[in-house]
Amino acid sequence: MGITGEETKREVLRKIKRFWKRFWYIIWEDESLLGWVISLAFAFLVIKFIFFPSLGLVLGTKMPLVVVESGSMHHPGSFLFNYFGSDKLVTEWWQVAGKWYEERGIDFNETFNWSLRNGLEIGDVILVVKARNIELGDIIIFEANQRHPVIHRVINISEVNNRTVYSTKGDNNPAQLFVETRIPEDAIIGQAVFRIPMVGWVKLIFVKLLDVVVRR
C-alpha cells in the first residue's frame, strides 16, 4: 500500500514542528557555546532586518538609532551634570566656546532653547526622527560623503537659489568642517530628539575588537 499525499503532508508538517521546537529550545534554553552563538546570530538578524526597518518606518528615517562615535559634540563637565541637564554645564561650555558663536550673532540666552543643549558624548545612542521644521539649535544627522554621517548642531538656515540650506557645527569643534557649511535638505537623514547615555559603548567596543582581529 503506497504513501498518500495526505500522509506526506503530515510528515512534512511533523518535521517542520520538530525543527522549530528544537530551534526555540536552542534560542531560549540551550546554554552550550553553540546555543549562545546561534542565539546571538538570531538576535542580530532580528534587530537588523526586523526591528530597525520597523522603527525606521515608524520614525520616518533610515537611521532611527545612531551611536555617537566622536567627541565633536562633547561639553565639559561632570557625567551627572551632563545627563541630568544642568544649566551649569551650558554656562561652562559657553565660557570656552561662546566667542565663536557671538561673532556670528548667536546670543548665549538662545542656547537654553536648543535641543539637547548639553551636547552629546561618545557612546550615546541617539533616537532620530524625520527632520521637520528644523530650527536653529536643533541637532541633525546628514550625509557628508564621509565614511559615517555627521551629527552636528544647526547654527544657520538660509536660502540659496530658492533652496533651503543648513549650516552646522560640532559643539566641541573650534570651527566648522567644510562639508557642513552648506547642507541641502536632501542630505539630511533625520533630527536627534533623545539620547540614551553610554549604551552605544557595547557596539563601539565590539567594532574595535573586530577591527583588530581583521587587521591581524
N, C-alpha and C. Protein backbone atom coordinates (compact mmCIF):
# COMPACT_ATOMS: atom_id res chain seq x y z
N MET A 1 0.85 -1.19 0.00
CA MET A 1 0.00 0.00 0.00
C MET A 1 0.89 1.25 0.00
N GLY A 2 0.73 2.16 -0.95
CA GLY A 2 1.59 3.32 -1.08
C GLY A 2 1.26 4.44 -0.11
N ILE A 3 2.20 5.40 -0.05
CA ILE A 3 2.01 6.57 0.83
C ILE A 3 1.18 7.61 0.09
N THR A 4 0.13 8.06 0.74
CA THR A 4 -0.75 9.04 0.11
C THR A 4 -0.19 10.45 0.26
N GLY A 5 -0.73 11.35 -0.56
CA GLY A 5 -0.31 12.74 -0.49
C GLY A 5 -0.60 13.35 0.87
N GLU A 6 -1.70 12.96 1.49
CA GLU A 6 -2.08 13.49 2.80
C GLU A 6 -1.09 13.05 3.86
N GLU A 7 -0.61 11.78 3.78
CA GLU A 7 0.38 11.29 4.73
C GLU A 7 1.71 12.01 4.56
N THR A 8 2.08 12.26 3.31
CA THR A 8 3.32 13.01 3.04
C THR A 8 3.25 14.40 3.63
N LYS A 9 2.10 15.03 3.47
CA LYS A 9 1.90 16.38 4.01
C LYS A 9 2.03 16.38 5.52
N ARG A 10 1.42 15.38 6.19
CA ARG A 10 1.50 15.30 7.65
C ARG A 10 2.93 15.07 8.11
N GLU A 11 3.69 14.26 7.37
CA GLU A 11 5.08 14.00 7.73
C GLU A 11 5.92 15.26 7.60
N VAL A 12 5.68 16.05 6.54
CA VAL A 12 6.41 17.30 6.37
C VAL A 12 6.09 18.26 7.51
N LEU A 13 4.83 18.33 7.90
CA LEU A 13 4.42 19.21 8.99
C LEU A 13 5.05 18.78 10.31
N ARG A 14 5.16 17.45 10.53
CA ARG A 14 5.80 16.95 11.75
C ARG A 14 7.28 17.32 11.79
N LYS A 15 7.95 17.26 10.63
CA LYS A 15 9.37 17.62 10.56
C LYS A 15 9.56 19.11 10.84
N ILE A 16 8.67 19.91 10.26
CA ILE A 16 8.75 21.37 10.50
C ILE A 16 8.53 21.67 11.97
N LYS A 17 7.55 21.01 12.59
CA LYS A 17 7.27 21.22 14.01
C LYS A 17 8.46 20.84 14.86
N ARG A 18 9.11 19.67 14.54
CA ARG A 18 10.29 19.24 15.29
C ARG A 18 11.43 20.23 15.14
N PHE A 19 11.60 20.76 13.92
CA PHE A 19 12.66 21.74 13.68
C PHE A 19 12.47 22.98 14.54
N TRP A 20 11.25 23.55 14.53
CA TRP A 20 11.01 24.78 15.29
C TRP A 20 11.09 24.54 16.80
N LYS A 21 10.66 23.34 17.21
CA LYS A 21 10.77 23.01 18.63
C LYS A 21 12.23 22.97 19.05
N ARG A 22 13.06 22.34 18.23
CA ARG A 22 14.50 22.27 18.51
C ARG A 22 15.13 23.65 18.44
N PHE A 23 14.72 24.45 17.45
CA PHE A 23 15.27 25.79 17.27
C PHE A 23 14.97 26.67 18.49
N TRP A 24 13.73 26.68 18.95
CA TRP A 24 13.37 27.52 20.09
C TRP A 24 14.02 27.03 21.37
N TYR A 25 14.26 25.72 21.45
CA TYR A 25 14.99 25.21 22.61
C TYR A 25 16.41 25.78 22.63
N ILE A 26 17.07 25.80 21.48
CA ILE A 26 18.44 26.34 21.39
C ILE A 26 18.45 27.82 21.73
N ILE A 27 17.47 28.56 21.22
CA ILE A 27 17.42 30.01 21.44
C ILE A 27 17.19 30.35 22.91
N TRP A 28 16.25 29.67 23.56
CA TRP A 28 15.82 30.09 24.89
C TRP A 28 16.37 29.25 26.04
N GLU A 29 16.80 28.01 25.79
CA GLU A 29 17.18 27.14 26.90
C GLU A 29 18.59 26.56 26.81
N ASP A 30 19.08 26.36 25.62
CA ASP A 30 20.40 25.74 25.44
C ASP A 30 21.50 26.69 25.91
N GLU A 31 22.26 26.27 26.92
CA GLU A 31 23.32 27.12 27.47
C GLU A 31 24.71 26.71 26.99
N SER A 32 24.76 25.88 25.97
CA SER A 32 26.05 25.49 25.41
C SER A 32 26.62 26.64 24.58
N LEU A 33 27.91 26.51 24.21
CA LEU A 33 28.55 27.53 23.38
C LEU A 33 27.82 27.69 22.06
N LEU A 34 27.46 26.57 21.44
CA LEU A 34 26.72 26.62 20.18
C LEU A 34 25.39 27.34 20.35
N GLY A 35 24.73 27.06 21.47
CA GLY A 35 23.45 27.72 21.74
C GLY A 35 23.60 29.23 21.85
N TRP A 36 24.65 29.67 22.54
CA TRP A 36 24.91 31.11 22.66
C TRP A 36 25.20 31.75 21.31
N VAL A 37 26.00 31.07 20.50
CA VAL A 37 26.34 31.61 19.18
C VAL A 37 25.10 31.74 18.30
N ILE A 38 24.28 30.70 18.29
CA ILE A 38 23.06 30.74 17.49
C ILE A 38 22.10 31.82 18.00
N SER A 39 21.99 31.96 19.33
CA SER A 39 21.11 32.98 19.92
C SER A 39 21.56 34.38 19.54
N LEU A 40 22.87 34.62 19.60
CA LEU A 40 23.39 35.94 19.24
C LEU A 40 23.16 36.23 17.77
N ALA A 41 23.39 35.23 16.92
CA ALA A 41 23.17 35.41 15.49
C ALA A 41 21.70 35.70 15.19
N PHE A 42 20.82 34.97 15.89
CA PHE A 42 19.38 35.18 15.70
C PHE A 42 18.97 36.59 16.15
N ALA A 43 19.49 37.01 17.30
CA ALA A 43 19.18 38.35 17.80
C ALA A 43 19.66 39.42 16.83
N PHE A 44 20.85 39.24 16.28
CA PHE A 44 21.39 40.19 15.31
C PHE A 44 20.50 40.30 14.08
N LEU A 45 20.05 39.16 13.57
CA LEU A 45 19.20 39.16 12.37
C LEU A 45 17.85 39.84 12.65
N VAL A 46 17.29 39.56 13.82
CA VAL A 46 16.01 40.18 14.18
C VAL A 46 16.15 41.69 14.29
N ILE A 47 17.22 42.14 14.97
CA ILE A 47 17.43 43.58 15.15
C ILE A 47 17.68 44.27 13.82
N LYS A 48 18.55 43.68 13.00
CA LYS A 48 18.94 44.31 11.74
C LYS A 48 17.83 44.31 10.69
N PHE A 49 17.13 43.19 10.56
CA PHE A 49 16.20 43.05 9.45
C PHE A 49 14.72 43.20 9.83
N ILE A 50 14.43 43.26 11.12
CA ILE A 50 13.03 43.44 11.53
C ILE A 50 12.87 44.69 12.41
N PHE A 51 13.65 44.75 13.52
CA PHE A 51 13.47 45.86 14.46
C PHE A 51 13.83 47.21 13.84
N PHE A 52 15.04 47.32 13.27
CA PHE A 52 15.47 48.61 12.74
C PHE A 52 14.61 49.08 11.57
N PRO A 53 14.32 48.22 10.58
CA PRO A 53 13.44 48.68 9.50
C PRO A 53 12.06 49.12 9.99
N SER A 54 11.51 48.39 10.98
CA SER A 54 10.19 48.74 11.51
C SER A 54 10.25 50.08 12.25
N LEU A 55 11.29 50.25 13.08
CA LEU A 55 11.44 51.50 13.81
C LEU A 55 11.67 52.66 12.85
N GLY A 56 12.48 52.43 11.81
CA GLY A 56 12.73 53.46 10.81
C GLY A 56 11.46 53.86 10.08
N LEU A 57 10.61 52.89 9.80
CA LEU A 57 9.34 53.17 9.13
C LEU A 57 8.45 54.03 10.01
N VAL A 58 8.42 53.73 11.29
CA VAL A 58 7.59 54.49 12.23
C VAL A 58 8.11 55.92 12.39
N LEU A 59 9.44 56.08 12.49
CA LEU A 59 10.04 57.39 12.76
C LEU A 59 10.35 58.16 11.47
N GLY A 60 10.23 57.53 10.33
CA GLY A 60 10.39 58.23 9.06
C GLY A 60 11.83 58.49 8.65
N THR A 61 12.76 57.62 9.08
CA THR A 61 14.16 57.82 8.73
C THR A 61 14.84 56.47 8.56
N LYS A 62 15.87 56.42 7.72
CA LYS A 62 16.59 55.16 7.50
C LYS A 62 17.55 54.85 8.64
N MET A 63 17.81 55.82 9.51
CA MET A 63 18.70 55.60 10.66
C MET A 63 18.00 56.04 11.94
N PRO A 64 17.10 55.22 12.47
CA PRO A 64 16.34 55.63 13.66
C PRO A 64 17.17 55.70 14.94
N LEU A 65 18.27 54.94 14.99
CA LEU A 65 19.17 54.97 16.15
C LEU A 65 20.60 55.18 15.66
N VAL A 66 21.30 56.11 16.29
CA VAL A 66 22.67 56.43 15.89
C VAL A 66 23.56 56.41 17.13
N VAL A 67 24.73 55.79 17.01
CA VAL A 67 25.70 55.79 18.10
C VAL A 67 26.71 56.91 17.87
N VAL A 68 26.92 57.74 18.86
CA VAL A 68 27.89 58.83 18.76
C VAL A 68 29.30 58.24 18.85
N GLU A 69 30.13 58.50 17.84
CA GLU A 69 31.44 57.88 17.77
C GLU A 69 32.60 58.87 17.94
N SER A 70 32.30 60.15 18.02
CA SER A 70 33.38 61.14 18.18
C SER A 70 33.02 62.11 19.30
N GLY A 71 34.00 62.91 19.69
CA GLY A 71 33.79 63.89 20.76
C GLY A 71 33.44 65.27 20.25
N SER A 72 32.99 65.38 19.00
CA SER A 72 32.74 66.70 18.41
C SER A 72 31.56 67.43 19.05
N MET A 73 30.68 66.70 19.76
CA MET A 73 29.54 67.34 20.41
C MET A 73 29.68 67.32 21.94
N HIS A 74 30.86 67.01 22.42
CA HIS A 74 31.12 66.94 23.87
C HIS A 74 31.05 68.32 24.52
N HIS A 75 30.53 68.35 25.76
CA HIS A 75 30.56 69.55 26.59
C HIS A 75 31.38 69.24 27.84
N PRO A 76 32.22 70.18 28.28
CA PRO A 76 32.98 69.94 29.51
C PRO A 76 32.03 69.87 30.71
N GLY A 77 32.39 69.07 31.70
CA GLY A 77 31.54 68.97 32.89
C GLY A 77 31.47 67.54 33.37
N SER A 78 30.86 67.34 34.50
CA SER A 78 30.80 66.01 35.08
C SER A 78 29.77 65.15 34.37
N PHE A 79 29.89 63.87 34.55
CA PHE A 79 28.96 62.91 33.94
C PHE A 79 27.53 63.18 34.37
N LEU A 80 27.29 63.37 35.66
CA LEU A 80 25.94 63.55 36.16
C LEU A 80 25.31 64.84 35.66
N PHE A 81 26.09 65.93 35.66
CA PHE A 81 25.56 67.19 35.17
C PHE A 81 25.17 67.06 33.70
N ASN A 82 25.99 66.36 32.94
CA ASN A 82 25.73 66.22 31.51
C ASN A 82 24.41 65.53 31.25
N TYR A 83 24.18 64.42 31.94
CA TYR A 83 23.00 63.63 31.63
C TYR A 83 21.74 64.10 32.33
N PHE A 84 21.87 64.89 33.37
CA PHE A 84 20.67 65.38 34.02
C PHE A 84 20.36 66.83 33.68
N GLY A 85 21.06 67.36 32.66
CA GLY A 85 20.65 68.62 32.06
C GLY A 85 20.91 69.87 32.88
N SER A 86 21.97 69.93 33.65
CA SER A 86 22.26 71.12 34.45
C SER A 86 22.58 72.32 33.57
N ASP A 87 22.00 73.47 33.94
CA ASP A 87 22.30 74.71 33.21
C ASP A 87 23.74 75.14 33.45
N LYS A 88 24.33 74.67 34.54
CA LYS A 88 25.72 74.99 34.83
C LYS A 88 26.63 74.52 33.71
N LEU A 89 26.30 73.39 33.14
CA LEU A 89 27.12 72.84 32.06
C LEU A 89 27.07 73.72 30.82
N VAL A 90 25.91 74.26 30.51
CA VAL A 90 25.78 75.16 29.36
C VAL A 90 26.65 76.38 29.57
N THR A 91 26.63 76.93 30.78
CA THR A 91 27.43 78.12 31.08
C THR A 91 28.92 77.84 30.95
N GLU A 92 29.37 76.70 31.46
CA GLU A 92 30.78 76.35 31.38
C GLU A 92 31.21 76.14 29.93
N TRP A 93 30.34 75.53 29.16
CA TRP A 93 30.66 75.32 27.74
C TRP A 93 30.75 76.65 27.02
N TRP A 94 29.84 77.57 27.30
CA TRP A 94 29.82 78.87 26.62
C TRP A 94 31.07 79.67 26.95
N GLN A 95 31.56 79.57 28.15
CA GLN A 95 32.78 80.29 28.53
C GLN A 95 33.97 79.88 27.66
N VAL A 96 33.95 78.65 27.20
CA VAL A 96 35.03 78.14 26.35
C VAL A 96 34.76 78.41 24.88
N ALA A 97 33.53 78.17 24.45
CA ALA A 97 33.21 78.19 23.02
C ALA A 97 32.40 79.40 22.57
N GLY A 98 31.91 80.19 23.50
CA GLY A 98 30.95 81.24 23.18
C GLY A 98 31.42 82.30 22.19
N LYS A 99 32.69 82.65 22.21
CA LYS A 99 33.18 83.72 21.34
C LYS A 99 32.89 83.43 19.88
N TRP A 100 33.08 82.18 19.47
CA TRP A 100 32.84 81.82 18.06
C TRP A 100 31.40 82.10 17.67
N TYR A 101 30.46 81.79 18.55
CA TYR A 101 29.04 81.98 18.26
C TYR A 101 28.66 83.47 18.31
N GLU A 102 29.20 84.18 19.28
CA GLU A 102 28.90 85.60 19.39
C GLU A 102 29.34 86.36 18.15
N GLU A 103 30.46 85.96 17.58
CA GLU A 103 30.94 86.61 16.35
C GLU A 103 30.00 86.38 15.18
N ARG A 104 29.12 85.42 15.30
CA ARG A 104 28.16 85.10 14.24
C ARG A 104 26.73 85.41 14.66
N GLY A 105 26.60 86.27 15.66
CA GLY A 105 25.29 86.78 16.04
C GLY A 105 24.43 85.84 16.86
N ILE A 106 25.03 84.83 17.47
CA ILE A 106 24.27 83.89 18.30
C ILE A 106 24.49 84.24 19.77
N ASP A 107 23.42 84.57 20.46
CA ASP A 107 23.49 85.01 21.85
C ASP A 107 23.43 83.83 22.82
N PHE A 108 24.08 83.99 23.96
CA PHE A 108 24.12 82.94 24.96
C PHE A 108 22.74 82.48 25.38
N ASN A 109 21.79 83.43 25.54
CA ASN A 109 20.44 83.09 26.01
C ASN A 109 19.72 82.16 25.03
N GLU A 110 20.10 82.21 23.76
CA GLU A 110 19.47 81.35 22.76
C GLU A 110 19.77 79.87 23.04
N THR A 111 20.91 79.60 23.65
CA THR A 111 21.32 78.20 23.84
C THR A 111 20.39 77.43 24.77
N PHE A 112 19.66 78.14 25.64
CA PHE A 112 18.77 77.45 26.57
C PHE A 112 17.54 76.89 25.87
N ASN A 113 17.30 77.32 24.62
CA ASN A 113 16.19 76.78 23.84
C ASN A 113 16.66 75.71 22.86
N TRP A 114 17.95 75.41 22.85
CA TRP A 114 18.48 74.42 21.91
C TRP A 114 18.06 73.01 22.30
N SER A 115 17.91 72.19 21.30
CA SER A 115 17.63 70.77 21.53
C SER A 115 18.89 70.09 22.06
N LEU A 116 18.73 69.24 23.09
CA LEU A 116 19.88 68.52 23.68
C LEU A 116 21.02 69.51 23.93
N ARG A 117 20.72 70.56 24.66
CA ARG A 117 21.66 71.69 24.80
C ARG A 117 22.95 71.33 25.53
N ASN A 118 22.97 70.21 26.24
CA ASN A 118 24.20 69.81 26.93
C ASN A 118 25.12 68.95 26.08
N GLY A 119 24.85 68.91 24.79
CA GLY A 119 25.73 68.19 23.89
C GLY A 119 25.54 66.68 23.92
N LEU A 120 26.46 65.98 23.29
CA LEU A 120 26.42 64.51 23.20
C LEU A 120 27.78 63.95 23.57
N GLU A 121 27.77 62.73 24.07
CA GLU A 121 29.02 62.08 24.47
C GLU A 121 29.27 60.83 23.63
N ILE A 122 30.53 60.47 23.48
CA ILE A 122 30.87 59.24 22.79
C ILE A 122 30.16 58.07 23.50
N GLY A 123 29.52 57.21 22.70
CA GLY A 123 28.81 56.07 23.27
C GLY A 123 27.33 56.31 23.50
N ASP A 124 26.87 57.55 23.38
CA ASP A 124 25.44 57.82 23.49
C ASP A 124 24.71 57.20 22.29
N VAL A 125 23.53 56.68 22.53
CA VAL A 125 22.66 56.25 21.45
C VAL A 125 21.59 57.33 21.26
N ILE A 126 21.46 57.80 20.02
CA ILE A 126 20.57 58.91 19.73
C ILE A 126 19.34 58.41 18.97
N LEU A 127 18.16 58.79 19.46
CA LEU A 127 16.92 58.49 18.76
C LEU A 127 16.71 59.56 17.69
N VAL A 128 16.49 59.11 16.46
CA VAL A 128 16.40 60.02 15.31
C VAL A 128 15.02 59.91 14.67
N VAL A 129 14.45 61.06 14.32
CA VAL A 129 13.16 61.08 13.63
C VAL A 129 13.33 61.85 12.32
N LYS A 130 12.33 61.76 11.47
CA LYS A 130 12.35 62.51 10.22
C LYS A 130 12.41 64.00 10.55
N ALA A 131 13.31 64.71 9.85
CA ALA A 131 13.51 66.13 10.13
C ALA A 131 12.33 66.95 9.61
N ARG A 132 11.68 67.67 10.51
CA ARG A 132 10.57 68.55 10.14
C ARG A 132 10.74 69.89 10.86
N ASN A 133 10.52 70.97 10.14
CA ASN A 133 10.58 72.31 10.74
C ASN A 133 11.86 72.51 11.56
N ILE A 134 12.99 72.26 10.93
CA ILE A 134 14.28 72.40 11.61
C ILE A 134 14.50 73.84 12.03
N GLU A 135 14.96 74.03 13.26
CA GLU A 135 15.22 75.36 13.80
C GLU A 135 16.67 75.46 14.24
N LEU A 136 17.13 76.70 14.46
CA LEU A 136 18.48 76.91 14.97
C LEU A 136 18.62 76.20 16.32
N GLY A 137 19.72 75.51 16.50
CA GLY A 137 19.96 74.79 17.75
C GLY A 137 19.56 73.33 17.70
N ASP A 138 18.81 72.92 16.68
CA ASP A 138 18.47 71.51 16.54
C ASP A 138 19.71 70.72 16.10
N ILE A 139 19.73 69.44 16.43
CA ILE A 139 20.84 68.57 16.02
C ILE A 139 20.35 67.67 14.90
N ILE A 140 21.05 67.70 13.77
CA ILE A 140 20.64 66.89 12.63
C ILE A 140 21.73 65.88 12.28
N ILE A 141 21.33 64.84 11.58
CA ILE A 141 22.25 63.83 11.07
C ILE A 141 22.20 63.94 9.55
N PHE A 142 23.34 64.07 8.91
CA PHE A 142 23.33 64.27 7.46
C PHE A 142 24.49 63.56 6.78
N GLU A 143 24.28 63.25 5.51
CA GLU A 143 25.32 62.64 4.68
C GLU A 143 26.31 63.72 4.26
N ALA A 144 27.62 63.38 4.36
CA ALA A 144 28.65 64.37 4.03
C ALA A 144 29.76 63.76 3.18
N ASN A 145 29.41 62.69 2.44
CA ASN A 145 30.40 61.99 1.60
C ASN A 145 31.60 61.52 2.42
N GLN A 146 31.32 61.10 3.65
CA GLN A 146 32.34 60.54 4.52
C GLN A 146 31.95 59.11 4.88
N ARG A 147 32.82 58.45 5.62
CA ARG A 147 32.54 57.06 6.00
C ARG A 147 31.26 56.94 6.79
N HIS A 148 31.05 57.89 7.71
CA HIS A 148 29.84 57.89 8.53
C HIS A 148 29.13 59.23 8.39
N PRO A 149 27.80 59.25 8.57
CA PRO A 149 27.08 60.53 8.58
C PRO A 149 27.57 61.40 9.73
N VAL A 150 27.33 62.70 9.61
CA VAL A 150 27.74 63.66 10.63
C VAL A 150 26.53 64.03 11.48
N ILE A 151 26.73 64.14 12.80
CA ILE A 151 25.67 64.56 13.70
C ILE A 151 26.12 65.82 14.44
N HIS A 152 25.64 66.98 13.96
CA HIS A 152 26.05 68.28 14.50
C HIS A 152 24.84 69.20 14.65
N ARG A 153 25.09 70.36 15.28
CA ARG A 153 24.01 71.29 15.59
C ARG A 153 23.86 72.38 14.52
N VAL A 154 22.61 72.69 14.18
CA VAL A 154 22.32 73.72 13.19
C VAL A 154 22.59 75.10 13.78
N ILE A 155 23.43 75.87 13.09
CA ILE A 155 23.72 77.23 13.57
C ILE A 155 23.33 78.31 12.55
N ASN A 156 22.84 77.88 11.38
CA ASN A 156 22.37 78.86 10.40
C ASN A 156 21.46 78.17 9.39
N ILE A 157 20.40 78.88 8.99
CA ILE A 157 19.49 78.42 7.95
C ILE A 157 19.33 79.54 6.94
N SER A 158 19.52 79.25 5.66
CA SER A 158 19.45 80.30 4.65
C SER A 158 18.84 79.76 3.36
N GLU A 159 18.58 80.67 2.43
CA GLU A 159 18.05 80.31 1.11
C GLU A 159 19.13 80.58 0.07
N VAL A 160 19.44 79.58 -0.73
CA VAL A 160 20.41 79.70 -1.81
C VAL A 160 19.77 79.16 -3.08
N ASN A 161 19.61 80.01 -4.07
CA ASN A 161 18.96 79.62 -5.33
C ASN A 161 17.59 78.99 -5.09
N ASN A 162 16.83 79.64 -4.21
CA ASN A 162 15.46 79.20 -3.88
C ASN A 162 15.42 77.83 -3.20
N ARG A 163 16.52 77.44 -2.60
CA ARG A 163 16.58 76.18 -1.86
C ARG A 163 17.06 76.45 -0.44
N THR A 164 16.44 75.78 0.53
CA THR A 164 16.87 75.93 1.92
C THR A 164 18.13 75.12 2.16
N VAL A 165 19.13 75.76 2.72
CA VAL A 165 20.37 75.06 3.07
C VAL A 165 20.68 75.32 4.53
N TYR A 166 21.37 74.37 5.15
CA TYR A 166 21.66 74.43 6.56
C TYR A 166 23.17 74.45 6.80
N SER A 167 23.53 75.09 7.89
CA SER A 167 24.93 75.13 8.30
C SER A 167 25.00 74.62 9.73
N THR A 168 25.95 73.74 10.00
CA THR A 168 26.06 73.15 11.33
C THR A 168 27.47 73.31 11.90
N LYS A 169 27.60 72.95 13.17
CA LYS A 169 28.91 72.94 13.82
C LYS A 169 28.87 71.98 15.00
N GLY A 170 29.93 71.26 15.21
CA GLY A 170 30.05 70.44 16.40
C GLY A 170 30.29 71.33 17.61
N ASP A 171 29.54 71.13 18.68
CA ASP A 171 29.65 71.99 19.86
C ASP A 171 31.08 72.06 20.39
N ASN A 172 31.82 70.98 20.24
CA ASN A 172 33.18 70.91 20.79
C ASN A 172 34.26 71.19 19.76
N ASN A 173 33.86 71.47 18.52
CA ASN A 173 34.84 71.78 17.49
C ASN A 173 35.20 73.25 17.50
N PRO A 174 36.46 73.60 17.23
CA PRO A 174 36.85 75.01 17.22
C PRO A 174 36.26 75.79 16.05
N ALA A 175 35.90 75.09 14.98
CA ALA A 175 35.34 75.74 13.80
C ALA A 175 34.48 74.73 13.04
N GLN A 176 33.88 75.20 11.95
CA GLN A 176 33.07 74.32 11.12
C GLN A 176 33.93 73.47 10.20
N LEU A 177 33.41 72.30 9.85
CA LEU A 177 34.00 71.50 8.80
C LEU A 177 33.53 72.04 7.45
N PHE A 178 34.33 71.85 6.42
CA PHE A 178 33.94 72.35 5.10
C PHE A 178 32.63 71.73 4.64
N VAL A 179 32.42 70.45 4.98
CA VAL A 179 31.24 69.73 4.49
C VAL A 179 29.94 70.18 5.15
N GLU A 180 30.02 70.99 6.20
CA GLU A 180 28.79 71.37 6.90
C GLU A 180 28.43 72.85 6.75
N THR A 181 29.05 73.52 5.81
CA THR A 181 28.75 74.94 5.62
C THR A 181 27.55 75.18 4.72
N ARG A 182 27.18 74.19 3.92
CA ARG A 182 26.03 74.34 3.02
C ARG A 182 25.40 72.97 2.79
N ILE A 183 24.50 72.58 3.68
CA ILE A 183 23.89 71.24 3.65
C ILE A 183 22.51 71.33 3.01
N PRO A 184 22.30 70.67 1.89
CA PRO A 184 20.96 70.68 1.27
C PRO A 184 19.99 69.78 2.03
N GLU A 185 18.72 70.04 1.86
CA GLU A 185 17.70 69.27 2.59
C GLU A 185 17.74 67.79 2.25
N ASP A 186 18.08 67.45 1.00
CA ASP A 186 18.07 66.04 0.62
C ASP A 186 19.24 65.25 1.19
N ALA A 187 20.20 65.94 1.85
CA ALA A 187 21.32 65.25 2.51
C ALA A 187 21.01 64.93 3.96
N ILE A 188 19.90 65.47 4.47
CA ILE A 188 19.57 65.29 5.89
C ILE A 188 18.87 63.95 6.10
N ILE A 189 19.43 63.15 7.00
CA ILE A 189 18.87 61.83 7.31
C ILE A 189 17.77 61.94 8.36
N GLY A 190 17.97 62.81 9.33
CA GLY A 190 16.98 62.95 10.38
C GLY A 190 17.40 63.96 11.43
N GLN A 191 16.62 64.02 12.48
CA GLN A 191 16.81 65.00 13.55
C GLN A 191 16.87 64.29 14.89
N ALA A 192 17.87 64.61 15.70
CA ALA A 192 18.04 63.98 17.01
C ALA A 192 17.02 64.54 18.01
N VAL A 193 16.34 63.65 18.72
CA VAL A 193 15.33 64.11 19.67
C VAL A 193 15.54 63.58 21.09
N PHE A 194 16.35 62.53 21.23
CA PHE A 194 16.51 61.92 22.56
C PHE A 194 17.82 61.17 22.61
N ARG A 195 18.42 61.11 23.78
CA ARG A 195 19.69 60.41 23.94
C ARG A 195 19.61 59.35 25.04
N ILE A 196 20.24 58.22 24.78
CA ILE A 196 20.36 57.17 25.78
C ILE A 196 21.84 57.06 26.12
N PRO A 197 22.26 57.50 27.29
CA PRO A 197 23.69 57.59 27.61
C PRO A 197 24.42 56.26 27.66
N MET A 198 25.58 56.25 27.03
CA MET A 198 26.61 55.21 27.17
C MET A 198 26.28 53.84 26.60
N VAL A 199 25.04 53.58 26.25
CA VAL A 199 24.65 52.24 25.77
C VAL A 199 25.42 51.84 24.52
N GLY A 200 25.76 52.83 23.70
CA GLY A 200 26.43 52.56 22.44
C GLY A 200 27.86 52.06 22.59
N TRP A 201 28.41 52.12 23.80
CA TRP A 201 29.77 51.62 24.01
C TRP A 201 29.87 50.13 23.71
N VAL A 202 28.78 49.40 23.87
CA VAL A 202 28.77 47.97 23.55
C VAL A 202 29.12 47.77 22.08
N LYS A 203 28.49 48.54 21.22
CA LYS A 203 28.77 48.45 19.79
C LYS A 203 30.18 48.93 19.47
N LEU A 204 30.58 50.07 20.06
CA LEU A 204 31.89 50.64 19.75
C LEU A 204 33.02 49.68 20.13
N ILE A 205 32.91 49.06 21.29
CA ILE A 205 33.94 48.12 21.73
C ILE A 205 33.97 46.90 20.82
N PHE A 206 32.79 46.40 20.45
CA PHE A 206 32.72 45.24 19.56
C PHE A 206 33.35 45.55 18.21
N VAL A 207 33.05 46.72 17.66
CA VAL A 207 33.60 47.11 16.36
C VAL A 207 35.12 47.25 16.43
N LYS A 208 35.62 47.83 17.52
CA LYS A 208 37.07 47.98 17.68
C LYS A 208 37.76 46.62 17.76
N LEU A 209 37.19 45.71 18.54
CA LEU A 209 37.76 44.38 18.66
C LEU A 209 37.74 43.65 17.32
N LEU A 210 36.65 43.79 16.59
CA LEU A 210 36.53 43.15 15.29
C LEU A 210 37.56 43.72 14.33
N ASP A 211 37.77 45.02 14.40
CA ASP A 211 38.75 45.67 13.54
C ASP A 211 40.16 45.16 13.82
N VAL A 212 40.47 44.96 15.10
CA VAL A 212 41.79 44.44 15.48
C VAL A 212 41.99 43.02 14.93
N VAL A 213 40.94 42.19 15.07
CA VAL A 213 41.02 40.81 14.59
C VAL A 213 41.21 40.77 13.07
N VAL A 214 40.46 41.61 12.35
CA VAL A 214 40.55 41.62 10.89
C VAL A 214 41.93 42.08 10.43
N ARG A 215 42.51 43.08 11.11
CA ARG A 215 43.81 43.60 10.71
C ARG A 215 44.91 42.58 10.93
N ARG A 216 44.75 41.69 11.92
CA ARG A 216 45.73 40.65 12.17
C ARG A 216 45.68 39.57 11.08
